C-alpha atoms as a PDB file:
ATOM      1  CA  MET A   1     -77.463  25.797 -12.233  1.00  0.00           C
ATOM      2  CA  VAL A   2     -74.699  24.149 -13.542  1.00  0.00           C
ATOM      3  CA  SER A   3     -74.250  21.471 -16.446  1.00  0.00           C
ATOM      4  CA  ILE A   4     -71.281  19.106 -16.076  1.00  0.00           C
ATOM      5  CA  PRO A   5     -69.686  17.759 -19.387  1.00  0.00           C
ATOM      6  CA  THR A   6     -69.931  14.145 -20.216  1.00  0.00           C
ATOM      7  CA  MET A   7     -68.877  11.893 -22.684  1.00  0.00           C
ATOM      8  CA  GLU A   8     -71.510  12.798 -24.877  1.00  0.00           C
ATOM      9  CA  THR A   9     -71.833  16.580 -24.260  1.00  0.00           C
ATOM     10  CA  PRO A  10     -68.856  18.655 -26.085  1.00  0.00           C
ATOM     11  CA  MET A  11     -66.506  21.132 -23.704  1.00  0.00           C
ATOM     12  CA  GLU A  12     -67.707  23.993 -25.702  1.00  0.00           C
ATOM     13  CA  ASP A  13     -71.170  23.083 -24.122  1.00  0.00           C
ATOM     14  CA  PHE A  14     -69.853  23.464 -20.457  1.00  0.00           C
ATOM     15  CA  THR A  15     -71.669  26.712 -18.639  1.00  0.00           C
ATOM     16  CA  LEU A  16     -71.797  27.974 -15.159  1.00  0.00           C
ATOM     17  CA  GLU A  17     -74.672  30.068 -13.718  1.00  0.00           C
ATOM     18  CA  HIS A  18     -73.553  33.275 -11.780  1.00  0.00           C
ATOM     19  CA  GLU A  19     -70.500  33.656 -13.647  1.00  0.00           C
ATOM     20  CA  ASP A  20     -69.992  37.183 -11.534  1.00  0.00           C
ATOM     21  CA  MET A  21     -68.857  35.041  -8.586  1.00  0.00           C
ATOM     22  CA  LEU A  22     -66.027  33.690 -10.047  1.00  0.00           C
ATOM     23  CA  PRO A  23     -62.536  35.466  -9.382  1.00  0.00           C
ATOM     24  CA  SER A  24     -61.558  37.530 -11.976  1.00  0.00           C
ATOM     25  CA  THR A  25     -58.360  35.724 -13.473  1.00  0.00           C
ATOM     26  CA  PRO A  26     -58.154  34.705 -17.095  1.00  0.00           C
ATOM     27  CA  PRO A  27     -59.522  31.094 -17.974  1.00  0.00           C
ATOM     28  CA  MET A  28     -56.827  28.371 -17.340  1.00  0.00           C
ATOM     29  CA  SER A  29     -56.324  25.485 -19.371  1.00  0.00           C
ATOM     30  CA  LEU A  30     -55.211  22.202 -18.138  1.00  0.00           C
ATOM     31  CA  THR A  31     -52.378  22.192 -20.119  1.00  0.00           C
ATOM     32  CA  ASP A  32     -51.048  25.226 -18.354  1.00  0.00           C
ATOM     33  CA  PRO A  33     -47.876  25.052 -15.528  1.00  0.00           C
ATOM     34  CA  VAL A  34     -49.185  25.486 -12.063  1.00  0.00           C
ATOM     35  CA  VAL A  35     -46.986  28.457 -10.731  1.00  0.00           C
ATOM     36  CA  PRO A  36     -47.192  28.806  -7.017  1.00  0.00           C
ATOM     37  CA  GLN A  37     -47.874  32.267  -5.517  1.00  0.00           C
ATOM     38  CA  THR A  38     -45.458  33.497  -3.232  1.00  0.00           C
ATOM     39  CA  MET A  39     -45.334  36.362  -0.743  1.00  0.00           C
ATOM     40  CA  PRO A  40     -43.519  39.569  -1.477  1.00  0.00           C
ATOM     41  CA  ILE A  41     -40.834  39.923   1.591  1.00  0.00           C
ATOM     42  CA  GLU A  42     -40.979  43.736   1.173  1.00  0.00           C
ATOM     43  CA  MET A  43     -43.829  45.097   3.356  1.00  0.00           C
ATOM     44  CA  LYS A  44     -44.914  48.644   2.626  1.00  0.00           C
ATOM     45  CA  MET A  45     -44.999  50.815   5.521  1.00  0.00           C
ATOM     46  CA  GLU A  46     -47.588  53.778   5.733  1.00  0.00           C
ATOM     47  CA  ASP A  47     -44.924  56.386   4.869  1.00  0.00           C
ATOM     48  CA  SER A  48     -44.479  54.879   1.978  1.00  0.00           C
ATOM     49  CA  SER A  49     -41.070  53.460   3.342  1.00  0.00           C
ATOM     50  CA  THR A  50     -40.174  49.660   2.454  1.00  0.00           C
ATOM     51  CA  ILE A  51     -39.000  47.179   4.984  1.00  0.00           C
ATOM     52  CA  SER A  52     -37.087  44.135   3.573  1.00  0.00           C
ATOM     53  CA  GLN A  53     -36.779  40.990   6.436  1.00  0.00           C
ATOM     54  CA  PRO A  54     -33.062  40.358   4.872  1.00  0.00           C
ATOM     55  CA  ARG A  55     -32.200  43.978   5.555  1.00  0.00           C
ATOM     56  CA  GLN A  56     -33.210  44.075   8.749  1.00  0.00           C
ATOM     57  CA  ARG A  57     -30.997  41.332   9.927  1.00  0.00           C
ATOM     58  CA  ARG A  58     -27.866  42.424   8.001  1.00  0.00           C
ATOM     59  CA  TRP A  59     -26.370  44.333  11.234  1.00  0.00           C
ATOM     60  CA  MET A  60     -25.859  40.750  12.887  1.00  0.00           C
ATOM     61  CA  PHE A  61     -23.066  39.338  10.530  1.00  0.00           C
ATOM     62  CA  PRO A  62     -20.502  42.562  11.479  1.00  0.00           C
ATOM     63  CA  LEU A  63     -22.325  42.784  14.755  1.00  0.00           C
ATOM     64  CA  ILE A  64     -21.112  39.053  14.916  1.00  0.00           C
ATOM     65  CA  ILE A  65     -17.745  39.895  13.668  1.00  0.00           C
ATOM     66  CA  LEU A  66     -16.642  42.951  16.188  1.00  0.00           C
ATOM     67  CA  ILE A  67     -17.820  41.004  18.555  1.00  0.00           C
ATOM     68  CA  LEU A  68     -15.040  38.126  17.956  1.00  0.00           C
ATOM     69  CA  VAL A  69     -12.671  40.652  17.139  1.00  0.00           C
ATOM     70  CA  THR A  70     -13.123  42.627  20.173  1.00  0.00           C
ATOM     71  CA  ILE A  71     -12.739  39.479  22.536  1.00  0.00           C
ATOM     72  CA  ALA A  72      -9.616  37.785  20.219  1.00  0.00           C
ATOM     73  CA  GLY A  73      -8.107  41.322  20.974  1.00  0.00           C
ATOM     74  CA  CYS A  74      -8.838  41.405  24.635  1.00  0.00           C
ATOM     75  CA  LEU A  75      -7.387  37.847  25.273  1.00  0.00           C
ATOM     76  CA  LEU A  76      -4.447  38.490  22.947  1.00  0.00           C
ATOM     77  CA  PHE A  77      -3.682  41.976  24.995  1.00  0.00           C
ATOM     78  CA  THR A  78      -4.103  40.471  28.096  1.00  0.00           C
ATOM     79  CA  THR A  79      -1.835  36.999  27.122  1.00  0.00           C
ATOM     80  CA  ARG A  80       0.695  39.147  25.792  1.00  0.00           C
ATOM     81  CA  ALA A  81       0.995  41.645  28.935  1.00  0.00           C
ATOM     82  CA  TRP A  82       0.743  39.018  30.798  1.00  0.00           C
ATOM     83  CA  VAL A  83       3.793  36.401  29.124  1.00  0.00           C
ATOM     84  CA  SER A  84       6.004  39.770  28.607  1.00  0.00           C
ATOM     85  CA  SER A  85       5.707  40.869  32.133  1.00  0.00           C
ATOM     86  CA  SER A  86       7.014  37.288  33.124  1.00  0.00           C
ATOM     87  CA  PRO A  87      10.906  36.613  34.602  1.00  0.00           C
ATOM     88  CA  GLN A  88      10.963  34.007  32.511  1.00  0.00           C
ATOM     89  CA  HIS A  89      10.269  36.153  29.314  1.00  0.00           C
ATOM     90  CA  ALA A  90      12.421  38.709  30.413  1.00  0.00           C
ATOM     91  CA  VAL A  91      15.494  36.316  30.285  1.00  0.00           C
ATOM     92  CA  ASN A  92      14.641  34.429  27.053  1.00  0.00           C
ATOM     93  CA  ALA A  93      14.021  38.143  25.594  1.00  0.00           C
ATOM     94  CA  PHE A  94      17.834  38.956  26.750  1.00  0.00           C
ATOM     95  CA  PHE A  95      19.118  35.993  25.782  1.00  0.00           C
ATOM     96  CA  ASP A  96      17.840  35.777  21.881  1.00  0.00           C
ATOM     97  CA  ASN A  97      19.022  39.738  21.698  1.00  0.00           C
ATOM     98  CA  VAL A  98      22.152  38.767  22.198  1.00  0.00           C
ATOM     99  CA  GLU A  99      22.104  35.428  20.345  1.00  0.00           C
ATOM    100  CA  SER A 100      20.670  37.417  17.523  1.00  0.00           C
ATOM    101  CA  GLY A 101      23.569  40.311  17.083  1.00  0.00           C
ATOM    102  CA  GLN A 102      21.383  42.915  19.180  1.00  0.00           C
ATOM    103  CA  THR A 103      23.175  43.294  22.426  1.00  0.00           C
ATOM    104  CA  ALA A 104      22.636  46.979  22.386  1.00  0.00           C
ATOM    105  CA  ILE A 105      18.908  46.154  22.819  1.00  0.00           C
ATOM    106  CA  ALA A 106      19.989  43.131  25.378  1.00  0.00           C
ATOM    107  CA  TYR A 107      21.816  45.794  27.410  1.00  0.00           C
ATOM    108  CA  THR A 108      19.478  48.449  27.194  1.00  0.00           C
ATOM    109  CA  GLU A 109      16.414  46.436  28.094  1.00  0.00           C
ATOM    110  CA  THR A 110      18.426  45.502  31.397  1.00  0.00           C
ATOM    111  CA  ALA A 111      17.861  47.348  34.911  1.00  0.00           C
ATOM    112  CA  PRO A 112      19.840  49.926  36.571  1.00  0.00           C
ATOM    113  CA  VAL A 113      21.615  47.825  38.313  1.00  0.00           C
ATOM    114  CA  PHE A 114      22.826  46.087  35.788  1.00  0.00           C
ATOM    115  CA  LYS A 115      24.266  49.524  33.701  1.00  0.00           C
ATOM    116  CA  LYS A 116      26.446  50.771  36.541  1.00  0.00           C
ATOM    117  CA  VAL A 117      28.103  47.653  36.846  1.00  0.00           C
ATOM    118  CA  GLY A 118      29.115  48.438  33.371  1.00  0.00           C
ATOM    119  CA  THR A 119      28.659  50.368  29.958  1.00  0.00           C
ATOM    120  CA  LEU A 120      27.022  48.947  26.685  1.00  0.00           C
ATOM    121  CA  GLU A 121      30.931  48.952  25.206  1.00  0.00           C
ATOM    122  CA  GLN A 122      32.080  46.713  28.663  1.00  0.00           C
ATOM    123  CA  PHE A 123      28.931  44.100  27.759  1.00  0.00           C
ATOM    124  CA  GLU A 124      29.811  44.270  23.897  1.00  0.00           C
ATOM    125  CA  ALA A 125      33.135  42.915  24.969  1.00  0.00           C
ATOM    126  CA  LEU A 126      31.763  40.330  27.430  1.00  0.00           C
ATOM    127  CA  VAL A 127      30.203  38.859  24.662  1.00  0.00           C
ATOM    128  CA  LYS A 128      32.649  39.012  21.890  1.00  0.00           C
ATOM    129  CA  ASP A 129      35.344  37.798  24.648  1.00  0.00           C
ATOM    130  CA  LYS A 130      32.932  34.795  26.556  1.00  0.00           C
ATOM    131  CA  PRO A 131      30.672  33.656  23.867  1.00  0.00           C
ATOM    132  CA  GLN A 132      30.047  30.286  25.940  1.00  0.00           C
ATOM    133  CA  LEU A 133      28.028  32.324  28.466  1.00  0.00           C
ATOM    134  CA  PHE A 134      25.627  33.558  25.985  1.00  0.00           C
ATOM    135  CA  PHE A 135      25.586  31.108  23.152  1.00  0.00           C
ATOM    136  CA  SER A 136      25.364  27.719  25.051  1.00  0.00           C
ATOM    137  CA  LYS A 137      22.455  25.438  25.765  1.00  0.00           C
ATOM    138  CA  ARG A 138      20.342  27.353  29.125  1.00  0.00           C
ATOM    139  CA  THR A 139      18.607  24.939  31.373  1.00  0.00           C
ATOM    140  CA  PHE A 140      16.603  26.528  34.406  1.00  0.00           C
ATOM    141  CA  THR A 141      16.029  24.253  37.043  1.00  0.00           C
ATOM    142  CA  SER A 142      14.212  27.021  39.411  1.00  0.00           C
ATOM    143  CA  LEU A 143      12.947  30.290  39.512  1.00  0.00           C
ATOM    144  CA  ASN A 144      12.016  32.312  42.450  1.00  0.00           C
ATOM    145  CA  VAL A 145       9.509  35.697  42.846  1.00  0.00           C
ATOM    146  CA  LYS A 146       9.654  37.341  45.444  1.00  0.00           C
ATOM    147  CA  GLY A 147       7.480  40.678  45.429  1.00  0.00           C
ATOM    148  CA  ASN A 148       9.469  42.770  42.721  1.00  0.00           C
ATOM    149  CA  GLU A 149      12.922  40.380  42.990  1.00  0.00           C
ATOM    150  CA  ALA A 150      13.412  37.134  40.964  1.00  0.00           C
ATOM    151  CA  ASP A 151      16.159  34.576  40.980  1.00  0.00           C
ATOM    152  CA  ALA A 152      16.692  31.822  37.984  1.00  0.00           C
ATOM    153  CA  ARG A 153      18.730  29.203  38.730  1.00  0.00           C
ATOM    154  CA  GLY A 154      20.321  26.822  36.005  1.00  0.00           C
ATOM    155  CA  LEU A 155      22.802  25.291  33.976  1.00  0.00           C
ATOM    156  CA  LEU A 156      25.217  26.314  30.558  1.00  0.00           C
ATOM    157  CA  THR A 157      26.032  23.313  28.761  1.00  0.00           C
ATOM    158  CA  LEU A 158      29.128  24.369  27.249  1.00  0.00           C
ATOM    159  CA  GLU A 159      30.362  22.779  23.993  1.00  0.00           C
ATOM    160  CA  ASP A 160      32.427  20.092  25.700  1.00  0.00           C
ATOM    161  CA  ASN A 161      29.028  18.896  27.744  1.00  0.00           C
ATOM    162  CA  SER A 162      30.665  20.272  30.464  1.00  0.00           C
ATOM    163  CA  GLU A 163      27.937  22.060  32.683  1.00  0.00           C
ATOM    164  CA  VAL A 164      28.568  25.291  34.221  1.00  0.00           C
ATOM    165  CA  PRO A 165      25.855  26.565  37.437  1.00  0.00           C
ATOM    166  CA  LEU A 166      24.076  29.877  36.127  1.00  0.00           C
ATOM    167  CA  ARG A 167      21.885  32.221  37.994  1.00  0.00           C
ATOM    168  CA  ILE A 168      20.603  35.165  36.840  1.00  0.00           C
ATOM    169  CA  THR A 169      18.479  37.862  39.042  1.00  0.00           C
ATOM    170  CA  LEU A 170      15.974  40.371  37.822  1.00  0.00           C
ATOM    171  CA  VAL A 171      14.084  43.258  39.321  1.00  0.00           C
ATOM    172  CA  ARG A 172      10.323  44.712  38.281  1.00  0.00           C
ATOM    173  CA  GLU A 173      10.167  48.419  37.425  1.00  0.00           C
ATOM    174  CA  LYS A 174       6.882  49.300  36.430  1.00  0.00           C
ATOM    175  CA  ASP A 175       5.274  45.373  35.446  1.00  0.00           C
ATOM    176  CA  THR A 176       8.074  44.905  33.473  1.00  0.00           C
ATOM    177  CA  TRP A 177      10.889  42.254  34.438  1.00  0.00           C
ATOM    178  CA  LYS A 178      14.179  43.345  33.587  1.00  0.00           C
ATOM    179  CA  ILE A 179      17.870  41.547  34.135  1.00  0.00           C
ATOM    180  CA  SER A 180      19.849  43.195  37.526  1.00  0.00           C
ATOM    181  CA  GLY A 181      22.725  40.701  37.121  1.00  0.00           C
ATOM    182  CA  PHE A 182      23.741  37.168  36.141  1.00  0.00           C
ATOM    183  CA  SER A 183      27.112  35.015  37.442  1.00  0.00           C
ATOM    184  CA  THR A 184      28.592  31.874  36.343  1.00  0.00           C
ATOM    185  CA  GLY A 185      30.760  29.053  38.120  1.00  0.00           C
ATOM    186  CA  ASP A 186      31.079  29.523  41.805  1.00  0.00           C
ATOM    187  CA  ASP A 187      29.410  33.029  41.773  1.00  0.00           C
ATOM    188  CA  ALA A 188      25.893  31.206  41.047  1.00  0.00           C
ATOM    189  CA  LYS A 189      25.943  29.047  43.853  1.00  0.00           C
END
């Protein structure tokens, strides 16, 4: 039997029969804060090992990073291989090396046919004697590729704003384009 306190009955007189059926928790007063009980994330296994839910997902972040780095590397390698094997890249690299004073590198990266025409010393003398051929503004108007040969044609704009025809021939050796010759003026037409 439960007696409910009323205004006439003091709280001390409040009693419950069958107290043994109540949960075994300490009594709470009305002023105690209510703290919700949370379930622990960890689960105990039969072999006394612990599985933590955040640990189960820790492998995902490095895996995602690895996948992204792999994709970026493949794209970079593929794009670089495609660009470096183009005739345009070979022409630009040749003139960039000459303009930066690296004539030996420019000469080394040309085709054997180009090297049969003259030695490195002769090439360096040509660059020194006719700098307008290498240090002028170049504008290419056409590029024809047939198999392993390419022909780039355009104009050199000299310091006095006169334009001189320019022709560069290239060959592909082992998937790399190399300059096989160049000509200017009437020889370039």
